[in-house]
Amino acid sequence: MDGYTQQQYTGRIKRYVQTLELRDDPALIQEYRKWHSKEHHWKEIRDGIREVGILEMELYILGTRLVMIVDAPEDFRWNEAMQRLATLPRQAEWEAFVAHFQGCSAEARSDEKWQMMERMFYLY
């Protein structure tokens, strides 16, 4: 792997890291990957993520384990943003759709599925 270029921002940012477990089904995981690709993503979902103030979002996968990294401005308020995100176009439809891969309730919002992780080390 060659690595990734990080965006540079002029102000301070907050970073959130979350985790979620997918169903242990290789075919479902492959399809989940497809729906997160540039060719198949739902534009309204990407637009909504940016609309609530998220600057960057990355998903990483190992087996059935997902890790999401979210960068946002220093004044970002996670709970308020997630409540707003849940009301945006197609968001509830998206959450119901991906719940099939995630093994959770179709009514669950994103912030009810993903578990916030705690940073325990930083290379100073």
N, C-alpha and C. Protein backbone atom coordinates (compact mmCIF):
# COMPACT_ATOMS: atom_id res chain seq x y z
N MET A 1 0.84 -1.16 0.00
CA MET A 1 0.00 0.00 0.00
C MET A 1 0.89 1.24 0.00
N ASP A 2 0.49 2.24 -0.77
CA ASP A 2 1.28 3.46 -0.90
C ASP A 2 0.92 4.53 0.12
N GLY A 3 -0.15 4.37 0.84
CA GLY A 3 -0.56 5.38 1.80
C GLY A 3 -1.60 6.33 1.22
N TYR A 4 -2.00 7.29 2.02
CA TYR A 4 -3.05 8.23 1.63
C TYR A 4 -2.60 9.65 1.93
N THR A 5 -3.02 10.57 1.10
CA THR A 5 -2.75 11.97 1.33
C THR A 5 -3.81 12.53 2.27
N GLN A 6 -3.39 13.21 3.32
CA GLN A 6 -4.31 13.82 4.27
C GLN A 6 -4.61 15.25 3.83
N GLN A 7 -5.86 15.66 4.03
CA GLN A 7 -6.24 17.05 3.79
C GLN A 7 -5.57 17.92 4.85
N GLN A 8 -5.24 19.12 4.48
CA GLN A 8 -4.66 20.08 5.42
C GLN A 8 -5.69 21.17 5.69
N TYR A 9 -5.88 21.51 6.95
CA TYR A 9 -6.83 22.54 7.33
C TYR A 9 -6.11 23.63 8.10
N THR A 10 -6.62 24.86 7.98
CA THR A 10 -5.96 25.98 8.64
C THR A 10 -6.27 26.05 10.13
N GLY A 11 -7.42 25.60 10.54
CA GLY A 11 -7.79 25.63 11.95
C GLY A 11 -7.63 24.27 12.61
N ARG A 12 -7.94 24.24 13.89
CA ARG A 12 -7.90 22.98 14.63
C ARG A 12 -9.11 22.14 14.23
N ILE A 13 -8.94 20.83 14.28
CA ILE A 13 -10.03 19.92 13.98
C ILE A 13 -10.21 18.92 15.11
N LYS A 14 -11.39 18.32 15.13
CA LYS A 14 -11.67 17.21 16.03
C LYS A 14 -11.66 15.94 15.19
N ARG A 15 -11.21 14.86 15.77
CA ARG A 15 -11.24 13.56 15.11
C ARG A 15 -12.06 12.61 15.97
N TYR A 16 -12.99 11.92 15.31
CA TYR A 16 -13.81 10.90 15.96
C TYR A 16 -13.49 9.57 15.29
N VAL A 17 -13.39 8.52 16.08
CA VAL A 17 -13.14 7.19 15.55
C VAL A 17 -14.21 6.27 16.13
N GLN A 18 -14.86 5.53 15.23
CA GLN A 18 -15.93 4.65 15.65
C GLN A 18 -15.73 3.27 15.04
N THR A 19 -16.42 2.30 15.60
CA THR A 19 -16.34 0.94 15.09
C THR A 19 -17.74 0.33 14.98
N LEU A 20 -17.85 -0.64 14.09
CA LEU A 20 -19.11 -1.34 13.85
C LEU A 20 -18.77 -2.72 13.30
N GLU A 21 -19.57 -3.70 13.65
CA GLU A 21 -19.37 -5.07 13.19
C GLU A 21 -20.38 -5.38 12.08
N LEU A 22 -19.88 -5.90 10.96
CA LEU A 22 -20.74 -6.35 9.87
C LEU A 22 -21.15 -7.80 10.09
N ARG A 23 -22.20 -8.21 9.41
CA ARG A 23 -22.58 -9.63 9.43
C ARG A 23 -21.43 -10.45 8.83
N ASP A 24 -21.22 -11.60 9.36
CA ASP A 24 -20.13 -12.47 8.91
C ASP A 24 -20.58 -13.26 7.68
N ASP A 25 -20.67 -12.58 6.56
CA ASP A 25 -21.11 -13.17 5.30
C ASP A 25 -20.31 -12.50 4.17
N PRO A 26 -19.34 -13.21 3.58
CA PRO A 26 -18.47 -12.61 2.56
C PRO A 26 -19.24 -11.97 1.40
N ALA A 27 -20.35 -12.56 0.98
CA ALA A 27 -21.13 -11.98 -0.13
C ALA A 27 -21.75 -10.65 0.29
N LEU A 28 -22.28 -10.59 1.51
CA LEU A 28 -22.85 -9.33 2.00
C LEU A 28 -21.78 -8.26 2.17
N ILE A 29 -20.61 -8.65 2.67
CA ILE A 29 -19.52 -7.70 2.85
C ILE A 29 -19.07 -7.15 1.50
N GLN A 30 -19.00 -8.00 0.49
CA GLN A 30 -18.63 -7.54 -0.84
C GLN A 30 -19.65 -6.55 -1.38
N GLU A 31 -20.93 -6.84 -1.15
CA GLU A 31 -21.97 -5.92 -1.61
C GLU A 31 -21.92 -4.61 -0.82
N TYR A 32 -21.65 -4.67 0.47
CA TYR A 32 -21.51 -3.46 1.30
C TYR A 32 -20.39 -2.58 0.76
N ARG A 33 -19.28 -3.21 0.40
CA ARG A 33 -18.16 -2.47 -0.20
C ARG A 33 -18.62 -1.78 -1.48
N LYS A 34 -19.40 -2.50 -2.29
CA LYS A 34 -19.88 -1.94 -3.55
C LYS A 34 -20.67 -0.66 -3.30
N TRP A 35 -21.57 -0.67 -2.32
CA TRP A 35 -22.42 0.49 -2.07
C TRP A 35 -21.67 1.66 -1.47
N HIS A 36 -20.43 1.45 -1.08
CA HIS A 36 -19.59 2.54 -0.60
C HIS A 36 -18.58 3.00 -1.64
N SER A 37 -18.64 2.45 -2.83
CA SER A 37 -17.71 2.84 -3.89
C SER A 37 -18.18 4.13 -4.57
N LYS A 38 -17.27 4.79 -5.26
CA LYS A 38 -17.61 6.03 -5.98
C LYS A 38 -18.68 5.79 -7.03
N GLU A 39 -18.70 4.61 -7.60
CA GLU A 39 -19.66 4.30 -8.67
C GLU A 39 -21.07 4.06 -8.16
N HIS A 40 -21.21 3.61 -6.91
CA HIS A 40 -22.53 3.20 -6.42
C HIS A 40 -23.02 3.95 -5.19
N HIS A 41 -22.23 4.89 -4.69
CA HIS A 41 -22.67 5.60 -3.48
C HIS A 41 -23.92 6.43 -3.77
N TRP A 42 -24.63 6.75 -2.71
CA TRP A 42 -25.81 7.61 -2.82
C TRP A 42 -25.35 9.05 -2.61
N LYS A 43 -25.46 9.85 -3.63
CA LYS A 43 -24.98 11.23 -3.58
C LYS A 43 -25.58 12.01 -2.41
N GLU A 44 -26.85 11.79 -2.13
CA GLU A 44 -27.51 12.51 -1.04
C GLU A 44 -26.86 12.22 0.31
N ILE A 45 -26.32 11.02 0.46
CA ILE A 45 -25.68 10.66 1.73
C ILE A 45 -24.36 11.41 1.86
N ARG A 46 -23.56 11.42 0.81
CA ARG A 46 -22.30 12.18 0.85
C ARG A 46 -22.57 13.67 1.07
N ASP A 47 -23.56 14.20 0.37
CA ASP A 47 -23.91 15.61 0.52
C ASP A 47 -24.35 15.92 1.95
N GLY A 48 -25.15 15.04 2.54
CA GLY A 48 -25.63 15.23 3.90
C GLY A 48 -24.51 15.21 4.92
N ILE A 49 -23.56 14.33 4.73
CA ILE A 49 -22.41 14.25 5.63
C ILE A 49 -21.67 15.58 5.65
N ARG A 50 -21.46 16.13 4.48
CA ARG A 50 -20.77 17.44 4.39
C ARG A 50 -21.66 18.56 4.93
N GLU A 51 -22.96 18.47 4.68
CA GLU A 51 -23.89 19.52 5.10
C GLU A 51 -23.91 19.69 6.62
N VAL A 52 -23.74 18.62 7.37
CA VAL A 52 -23.76 18.74 8.84
C VAL A 52 -22.41 19.18 9.40
N GLY A 53 -21.42 19.38 8.52
CA GLY A 53 -20.15 19.95 8.97
C GLY A 53 -18.97 19.00 8.99
N ILE A 54 -19.16 17.77 8.59
CA ILE A 54 -18.05 16.81 8.57
C ILE A 54 -17.12 17.16 7.41
N LEU A 55 -15.83 17.25 7.71
CA LEU A 55 -14.83 17.62 6.70
C LEU A 55 -14.35 16.40 5.92
N GLU A 56 -14.04 15.34 6.65
CA GLU A 56 -13.52 14.11 6.05
C GLU A 56 -14.11 12.92 6.76
N MET A 57 -14.29 11.83 6.02
CA MET A 57 -14.77 10.58 6.61
C MET A 57 -14.09 9.44 5.86
N GLU A 58 -13.56 8.49 6.59
CA GLU A 58 -12.93 7.31 6.00
C GLU A 58 -13.46 6.07 6.69
N LEU A 59 -13.62 5.00 5.93
CA LEU A 59 -13.97 3.70 6.49
C LEU A 59 -12.83 2.74 6.20
N TYR A 60 -12.47 1.96 7.19
CA TYR A 60 -11.47 0.90 7.05
C TYR A 60 -12.14 -0.41 7.43
N ILE A 61 -11.69 -1.50 6.81
CA ILE A 61 -12.30 -2.80 7.06
C ILE A 61 -11.22 -3.85 7.27
N LEU A 62 -11.49 -4.76 8.19
CA LEU A 62 -10.67 -5.95 8.41
C LEU A 62 -11.64 -7.06 8.78
N GLY A 63 -11.86 -7.98 7.86
CA GLY A 63 -12.84 -9.04 8.10
C GLY A 63 -14.23 -8.44 8.21
N THR A 64 -14.83 -8.57 9.38
CA THR A 64 -16.17 -8.02 9.60
C THR A 64 -16.13 -6.71 10.39
N ARG A 65 -14.96 -6.29 10.78
CA ARG A 65 -14.80 -5.09 11.62
C ARG A 65 -14.60 -3.86 10.76
N LEU A 66 -15.44 -2.84 10.97
CA LEU A 66 -15.29 -1.54 10.32
C LEU A 66 -14.78 -0.53 11.33
N VAL A 67 -13.95 0.39 10.86
CA VAL A 67 -13.52 1.52 11.66
C VAL A 67 -13.78 2.76 10.80
N MET A 68 -14.45 3.75 11.39
CA MET A 68 -14.73 5.00 10.70
C MET A 68 -13.95 6.11 11.38
N ILE A 69 -13.28 6.92 10.57
CA ILE A 69 -12.55 8.10 11.06
C ILE A 69 -13.24 9.32 10.49
N VAL A 70 -13.63 10.23 11.38
CA VAL A 70 -14.34 11.44 11.00
C VAL A 70 -13.56 12.64 11.50
N ASP A 71 -13.25 13.57 10.60
CA ASP A 71 -12.63 14.84 10.97
C ASP A 71 -13.66 15.95 10.80
N ALA A 72 -13.71 16.84 11.79
CA ALA A 72 -14.68 17.93 11.79
C ALA A 72 -14.04 19.16 12.41
N PRO A 73 -14.62 20.34 12.18
CA PRO A 73 -14.08 21.56 12.77
C PRO A 73 -14.10 21.50 14.30
N GLU A 74 -13.27 22.32 14.92
CA GLU A 74 -13.15 22.32 16.37
C GLU A 74 -14.49 22.61 17.07
N ASP A 75 -15.36 23.41 16.47
CA ASP A 75 -16.63 23.76 17.11
C ASP A 75 -17.76 22.77 16.77
N PHE A 76 -17.43 21.67 16.13
CA PHE A 76 -18.41 20.65 15.74
C PHE A 76 -19.03 20.02 16.97
N ARG A 77 -20.34 19.84 16.94
CA ARG A 77 -21.07 19.20 18.03
C ARG A 77 -21.66 17.89 17.51
N TRP A 78 -21.06 16.79 17.91
CA TRP A 78 -21.39 15.47 17.37
C TRP A 78 -22.88 15.15 17.49
N ASN A 79 -23.43 15.22 18.69
CA ASN A 79 -24.82 14.82 18.90
C ASN A 79 -25.79 15.66 18.07
N GLU A 80 -25.56 16.96 18.05
CA GLU A 80 -26.42 17.84 17.25
C GLU A 80 -26.31 17.52 15.77
N ALA A 81 -25.11 17.27 15.30
CA ALA A 81 -24.90 16.96 13.88
C ALA A 81 -25.56 15.64 13.50
N MET A 82 -25.48 14.65 14.39
CA MET A 82 -26.08 13.34 14.07
C MET A 82 -27.61 13.43 14.08
N GLN A 83 -28.17 14.23 14.97
CA GLN A 83 -29.61 14.43 14.96
C GLN A 83 -30.05 15.10 13.67
N ARG A 84 -29.30 16.08 13.24
CA ARG A 84 -29.63 16.77 11.98
C ARG A 84 -29.45 15.84 10.79
N LEU A 85 -28.35 15.09 10.77
CA LEU A 85 -28.09 14.16 9.68
C LEU A 85 -29.26 13.20 9.49
N ALA A 86 -29.82 12.72 10.57
CA ALA A 86 -30.92 11.75 10.51
C ALA A 86 -32.15 12.31 9.80
N THR A 87 -32.27 13.64 9.70
CA THR A 87 -33.44 14.26 9.08
C THR A 87 -33.22 14.60 7.61
N LEU A 88 -32.02 14.43 7.11
CA LEU A 88 -31.72 14.86 5.74
C LEU A 88 -32.22 13.85 4.71
N PRO A 89 -32.39 14.32 3.45
CA PRO A 89 -32.95 13.46 2.40
C PRO A 89 -32.24 12.12 2.25
N ARG A 90 -33.01 11.08 2.24
CA ARG A 90 -32.62 9.69 2.02
C ARG A 90 -31.80 9.08 3.15
N GLN A 91 -31.51 9.82 4.19
CA GLN A 91 -30.66 9.28 5.27
C GLN A 91 -31.33 8.09 5.96
N ALA A 92 -32.59 8.21 6.32
CA ALA A 92 -33.29 7.10 6.97
C ALA A 92 -33.37 5.90 6.03
N GLU A 93 -33.59 6.17 4.75
CA GLU A 93 -33.63 5.09 3.75
C GLU A 93 -32.27 4.39 3.66
N TRP A 94 -31.19 5.18 3.67
CA TRP A 94 -29.83 4.62 3.64
C TRP A 94 -29.57 3.76 4.87
N GLU A 95 -29.91 4.27 6.04
CA GLU A 95 -29.66 3.53 7.28
C GLU A 95 -30.43 2.21 7.29
N ALA A 96 -31.66 2.21 6.79
CA ALA A 96 -32.44 0.98 6.70
C ALA A 96 -31.80 0.01 5.71
N PHE A 97 -31.31 0.55 4.60
CA PHE A 97 -30.66 -0.28 3.58
C PHE A 97 -29.39 -0.94 4.11
N VAL A 98 -28.50 -0.19 4.73
CA VAL A 98 -27.23 -0.75 5.19
C VAL A 98 -27.39 -1.59 6.46
N ALA A 99 -28.51 -1.45 7.17
CA ALA A 99 -28.74 -2.27 8.36
C ALA A 99 -28.71 -3.75 8.02
N HIS A 100 -29.12 -4.10 6.82
CA HIS A 100 -29.10 -5.50 6.36
C HIS A 100 -27.68 -6.08 6.41
N PHE A 101 -26.70 -5.27 6.09
CA PHE A 101 -25.29 -5.70 6.10
C PHE A 101 -24.71 -5.64 7.50
N GLN A 102 -25.22 -4.70 8.29
CA GLN A 102 -24.68 -4.45 9.61
C GLN A 102 -25.32 -5.30 10.70
N GLY A 103 -26.43 -5.92 10.41
CA GLY A 103 -27.07 -6.77 11.40
C GLY A 103 -27.70 -6.01 12.55
N CYS A 104 -28.28 -4.85 12.26
CA CYS A 104 -28.93 -4.06 13.30
C CYS A 104 -30.33 -3.66 12.83
N SER A 105 -31.03 -2.97 13.67
CA SER A 105 -32.38 -2.56 13.36
C SER A 105 -32.41 -1.60 12.18
N ALA A 106 -33.39 -1.77 11.30
CA ALA A 106 -33.55 -0.88 10.14
C ALA A 106 -33.93 0.52 10.58
N GLU A 107 -34.44 0.69 11.80
CA GLU A 107 -34.82 2.01 12.30
C GLU A 107 -33.67 2.73 12.98
N ALA A 108 -32.55 2.06 13.20
CA ALA A 108 -31.43 2.65 13.93
C ALA A 108 -30.76 3.74 13.10
N ARG A 109 -30.48 4.86 13.78
CA ARG A 109 -29.72 5.93 13.13
C ARG A 109 -28.24 5.56 13.15
N SER A 110 -27.47 6.26 12.34
CA SER A 110 -26.03 6.01 12.26
C SER A 110 -25.37 6.06 13.64
N ASP A 111 -25.70 7.09 14.42
CA ASP A 111 -25.05 7.25 15.72
C ASP A 111 -25.52 6.23 16.75
N GLU A 112 -26.56 5.45 16.43
CA GLU A 112 -27.00 4.38 17.31
C GLU A 112 -26.32 3.06 16.96
N LYS A 113 -25.75 2.97 15.77
CA LYS A 113 -25.09 1.74 15.31
C LYS A 113 -23.59 1.74 15.61
N TRP A 114 -22.98 2.85 15.30
CA TRP A 114 -21.54 2.97 15.43
C TRP A 114 -21.16 3.26 16.87
N GLN A 115 -20.13 2.57 17.37
CA GLN A 115 -19.66 2.75 18.74
C GLN A 115 -18.41 3.63 18.74
N MET A 116 -18.46 4.70 19.53
CA MET A 116 -17.34 5.63 19.60
C MET A 116 -16.15 4.96 20.28
N MET A 117 -14.98 5.13 19.70
CA MET A 117 -13.76 4.56 20.26
C MET A 117 -13.00 5.65 21.03
N GLU A 118 -12.18 5.22 21.96
CA GLU A 118 -11.38 6.13 22.76
C GLU A 118 -9.92 6.03 22.33
N ARG A 119 -9.31 7.18 22.08
CA ARG A 119 -7.89 7.17 21.73
C ARG A 119 -7.09 6.84 22.98
N MET A 120 -6.22 5.83 22.89
CA MET A 120 -5.41 5.45 24.04
C MET A 120 -3.92 5.69 23.82
N PHE A 121 -3.53 6.10 22.61
CA PHE A 121 -2.13 6.39 22.34
C PHE A 121 -2.03 7.41 21.23
N TYR A 122 -1.05 8.28 21.33
CA TYR A 122 -0.76 9.27 20.30
C TYR A 122 0.75 9.42 20.21
N LEU A 123 1.30 9.30 19.02
CA LEU A 123 2.74 9.43 18.80
C LEU A 123 3.08 10.91 18.75
N TYR A 124 3.59 11.43 19.84
CA TYR A 124 3.91 12.85 19.96
C TYR A 124 5.13 13.20 19.16
